[in-house]
């Protein structure tokens, strides 16, 4: 009865953990998307208020979703290219935004160097 497992046992344990890690990453990704959708809905409800809190929740929800869904990031970049007023609005919110929203604004910048889409 050994306290320390043999080398072969470690490889079996690690192989089983690999599946668990993949499952946890998948669940985390789904939870981020669902949280982003809920934040988007909350932002849509708060937009009519006189304070720009609704817009901040919209940006936060989009930031959560676009971190996980690459094609949506490209769609947002395309809209920012086609609608310069929306691009200016996002740039106006940049200094007031949390880091997650700043990363979203940077990632969907249509004029960023090296962007091909």
C-alpha atoms as a PDB file:
ATOM      1  CA  UNK A   1       0.000   0.000   0.000  1.00  0.00           C
ATOM      2  CA  UNK A   2       1.964   2.949  -1.304  1.00  0.00           C
ATOM      3  CA  UNK A   3       1.201   6.487  -0.204  1.00  0.00           C
ATOM      4  CA  UNK A   4       2.802   7.986  -3.316  1.00  0.00           C
ATOM      5  CA  UNK A   5       1.197   6.767  -6.568  1.00  0.00           C
ATOM      6  CA  UNK A   6       3.355   5.161  -9.211  1.00  0.00           C
ATOM      7  CA  UNK A   7       4.276   7.064 -12.375  1.00  0.00           C
ATOM      8  CA  UNK A   8       1.676   5.250 -14.461  1.00  0.00           C
ATOM      9  CA  UNK A   9      -1.070   6.217 -12.043  1.00  0.00           C
ATOM     10  CA  UNK A  10      -0.208   9.918 -12.413  1.00  0.00           C
ATOM     11  CA  UNK A  11      -0.617   9.770 -16.185  1.00  0.00           C
ATOM     12  CA  UNK A  12      -4.041   8.153 -15.777  1.00  0.00           C
ATOM     13  CA  UNK A  13      -5.085  10.851 -13.291  1.00  0.00           C
ATOM     14  CA  UNK A  14      -3.864  13.666 -15.548  1.00  0.00           C
ATOM     15  CA  UNK A  15      -5.668  12.211 -18.552  1.00  0.00           C
ATOM     16  CA  UNK A  16      -8.899  12.204 -16.566  1.00  0.00           C
ATOM     17  CA  UNK A  17      -8.316  15.793 -15.433  1.00  0.00           C
ATOM     18  CA  UNK A  18      -7.825  16.979 -19.026  1.00  0.00           C
ATOM     19  CA  UNK A  19     -11.440  16.162 -19.797  1.00  0.00           C
ATOM     20  CA  UNK A  20     -12.540  17.954 -16.613  1.00  0.00           C
ATOM     21  CA  UNK A  21     -10.571  21.084 -17.529  1.00  0.00           C
ATOM     22  CA  UNK A  22     -12.108  21.154 -21.017  1.00  0.00           C
ATOM     23  CA  UNK A  23     -15.565  20.790 -19.506  1.00  0.00           C
ATOM     24  CA  UNK A  24     -14.939  23.613 -17.022  1.00  0.00           C
ATOM     25  CA  UNK A  25     -13.652  25.907 -19.784  1.00  0.00           C
ATOM     26  CA  UNK A  26     -16.735  25.169 -21.871  1.00  0.00           C
ATOM     27  CA  UNK A  27     -19.042  25.881 -18.933  1.00  0.00           C
ATOM     28  CA  UNK A  28     -17.192  29.113 -18.178  1.00  0.00           C
ATOM     29  CA  UNK A  29     -17.562  30.208 -21.798  1.00  0.00           C
ATOM     30  CA  UNK A  30     -21.303  29.486 -21.798  1.00  0.00           C
ATOM     31  CA  UNK A  31     -21.760  31.302 -18.492  1.00  0.00           C
ATOM     32  CA  UNK A  32     -19.934  34.384 -19.841  1.00  0.00           C
ATOM     33  CA  UNK A  33     -22.184  34.477 -22.892  1.00  0.00           C
ATOM     34  CA  UNK A  34     -25.325  34.082 -20.770  1.00  0.00           C
ATOM     35  CA  UNK A  35     -24.135  36.769 -18.353  1.00  0.00           C
ATOM     36  CA  UNK A  36     -23.404  39.020 -21.337  1.00  0.00           C
ATOM     37  CA  UNK A  37     -26.908  38.488 -22.731  1.00  0.00           C
ATOM     38  CA  UNK A  38     -28.456  39.267 -19.340  1.00  0.00           C
ATOM     39  CA  UNK A  39     -26.332  42.415 -19.070  1.00  0.00           C
ATOM     40  CA  UNK A  40     -27.383  43.450 -22.585  1.00  0.00           C
ATOM     41  CA  UNK A  41     -31.060  43.062 -21.684  1.00  0.00           C
ATOM     42  CA  UNK A  42     -30.534  45.067 -18.490  1.00  0.00           C
ATOM     43  CA  UNK A  43     -28.786  47.754 -20.513  1.00  0.00           C
ATOM     44  CA  UNK A  44     -31.705  47.934 -22.971  1.00  0.00           C
ATOM     45  CA  UNK A  45     -34.079  48.423 -20.070  1.00  0.00           C
ATOM     46  CA  UNK A  46     -31.903  51.168 -18.540  1.00  0.00           C
ATOM     47  CA  UNK A  47     -31.180  53.109 -21.765  1.00  0.00           C
ATOM     48  CA  UNK A  48     -34.232  55.411 -21.471  1.00  0.00           C
ATOM     49  CA  UNK A  49     -33.050  56.693 -18.089  1.00  0.00           C
ATOM     50  CA  UNK A  50     -31.482  60.157 -18.103  1.00  0.00           C
ATOM     51  CA  UNK A  51     -28.203  58.753 -16.761  1.00  0.00           C
ATOM     52  CA  UNK A  52     -25.896  56.924 -19.214  1.00  0.00           C
ATOM     53  CA  UNK A  53     -25.970  53.801 -17.032  1.00  0.00           C
ATOM     54  CA  UNK A  54     -27.892  51.829 -19.666  1.00  0.00           C
ATOM     55  CA  UNK A  55     -25.218  52.485 -22.269  1.00  0.00           C
ATOM     56  CA  UNK A  56     -22.550  51.299 -19.866  1.00  0.00           C
ATOM     57  CA  UNK A  57     -24.447  48.039 -19.285  1.00  0.00           C
ATOM     58  CA  UNK A  58     -24.852  47.622 -23.052  1.00  0.00           C
ATOM     59  CA  UNK A  59     -21.108  48.042 -23.537  1.00  0.00           C
ATOM     60  CA  UNK A  60     -20.353  45.668 -20.685  1.00  0.00           C
ATOM     61  CA  UNK A  61     -22.694  43.023 -22.110  1.00  0.00           C
ATOM     62  CA  UNK A  62     -21.180  43.348 -25.581  1.00  0.00           C
ATOM     63  CA  UNK A  63     -17.704  43.104 -24.067  1.00  0.00           C
ATOM     64  CA  UNK A  64     -18.600  39.876 -22.282  1.00  0.00           C
ATOM     65  CA  UNK A  65     -20.103  38.335 -25.394  1.00  0.00           C
ATOM     66  CA  UNK A  66     -17.458  39.439 -27.899  1.00  0.00           C
ATOM     67  CA  UNK A  67     -14.691  37.951 -25.767  1.00  0.00           C
ATOM     68  CA  UNK A  68     -16.211  34.544 -26.454  1.00  0.00           C
ATOM     69  CA  UNK A  69     -17.847  34.945 -29.891  1.00  0.00           C
ATOM     70  CA  UNK A  70     -15.282  35.992 -32.505  1.00  0.00           C
ATOM     71  CA  UNK A  71     -17.730  36.557 -35.378  1.00  0.00           C
ATOM     72  CA  UNK A  72     -19.666  39.031 -33.228  1.00  0.00           C
ATOM     73  CA  UNK A  73     -16.460  40.982 -32.627  1.00  0.00           C
ATOM     74  CA  UNK A  74     -16.044  41.264 -36.408  1.00  0.00           C
ATOM     75  CA  UNK A  75     -19.662  42.416 -36.782  1.00  0.00           C
ATOM     76  CA  UNK A  76     -19.147  45.142 -34.164  1.00  0.00           C
ATOM     77  CA  UNK A  77     -15.939  46.275 -35.913  1.00  0.00           C
ATOM     78  CA  UNK A  78     -17.826  46.418 -39.217  1.00  0.00           C
ATOM     79  CA  UNK A  79     -20.620  48.495 -37.639  1.00  0.00           C
ATOM     80  CA  UNK A  80     -18.056  50.840 -36.131  1.00  0.00           C
ATOM     81  CA  UNK A  81     -16.517  51.256 -39.583  1.00  0.00           C
ATOM     82  CA  UNK A  82     -19.879  51.886 -41.275  1.00  0.00           C
ATOM     83  CA  UNK A  83     -21.303  54.118 -38.505  1.00  0.00           C
ATOM     84  CA  UNK A  84     -18.680  56.715 -37.557  1.00  0.00           C
ATOM     85  CA  UNK A  85     -21.023  58.294 -34.992  1.00  0.00           C
ATOM     86  CA  UNK A  86     -21.144  54.974 -33.096  1.00  0.00           C
ATOM     87  CA  UNK A  87     -17.368  54.776 -33.207  1.00  0.00           C
ATOM     88  CA  UNK A  88     -17.122  58.311 -31.800  1.00  0.00           C
ATOM     89  CA  UNK A  89     -19.604  57.395 -29.061  1.00  0.00           C
ATOM     90  CA  UNK A  90     -17.536  54.376 -28.026  1.00  0.00           C
ATOM     91  CA  UNK A  91     -14.369  56.441 -28.005  1.00  0.00           C
ATOM     92  CA  UNK A  92     -16.138  58.993 -25.782  1.00  0.00           C
ATOM     93  CA  UNK A  93     -16.954  56.278 -23.235  1.00  0.00           C
ATOM     94  CA  UNK A  94     -13.407  54.891 -23.290  1.00  0.00           C
ATOM     95  CA  UNK A  95     -11.909  56.891 -20.380  1.00  0.00           C
ATOM     96  CA  UNK A  96     -14.912  56.173 -18.133  1.00  0.00           C
ATOM     97  CA  UNK A  97     -15.134  52.456 -18.904  1.00  0.00           C
ATOM     98  CA  UNK A  98     -13.935  49.450 -16.899  1.00  0.00           C
ATOM     99  CA  UNK A  99     -10.992  47.458 -18.243  1.00  0.00           C
ATOM    100  CA  UNK A 100     -13.230  44.808 -19.812  1.00  0.00           C
ATOM    101  CA  UNK A 101     -15.064  47.452 -21.869  1.00  0.00           C
ATOM    102  CA  UNK A 102     -11.781  49.138 -22.818  1.00  0.00           C
ATOM    103  CA  UNK A 103     -10.490  45.810 -24.129  1.00  0.00           C
ATOM    104  CA  UNK A 104     -13.730  45.433 -26.122  1.00  0.00           C
ATOM    105  CA  UNK A 105     -13.341  48.917 -27.611  1.00  0.00           C
ATOM    106  CA  UNK A 106      -9.720  48.200 -28.536  1.00  0.00           C
ATOM    107  CA  UNK A 107     -10.527  44.759 -29.986  1.00  0.00           C
ATOM    108  CA  UNK A 108     -13.315  46.109 -32.221  1.00  0.00           C
ATOM    109  CA  UNK A 109     -11.452  49.200 -33.390  1.00  0.00           C
ATOM    110  CA  UNK A 110     -11.867  49.296 -37.185  1.00  0.00           C
ATOM    111  CA  UNK A 111      -8.809  51.506 -37.649  1.00  0.00           C
ATOM    112  CA  UNK A 112      -6.394  49.396 -35.599  1.00  0.00           C
ATOM    113  CA  UNK A 113      -3.150  48.516 -37.401  1.00  0.00           C
ATOM    114  CA  UNK A 114      -2.955  44.942 -38.615  1.00  0.00           C
ATOM    115  CA  UNK A 115      -6.728  44.443 -38.937  1.00  0.00           C
ATOM    116  CA  UNK A 116      -7.712  42.744 -42.153  1.00  0.00           C
ATOM    117  CA  UNK A 117     -11.491  42.462 -41.615  1.00  0.00           C
END
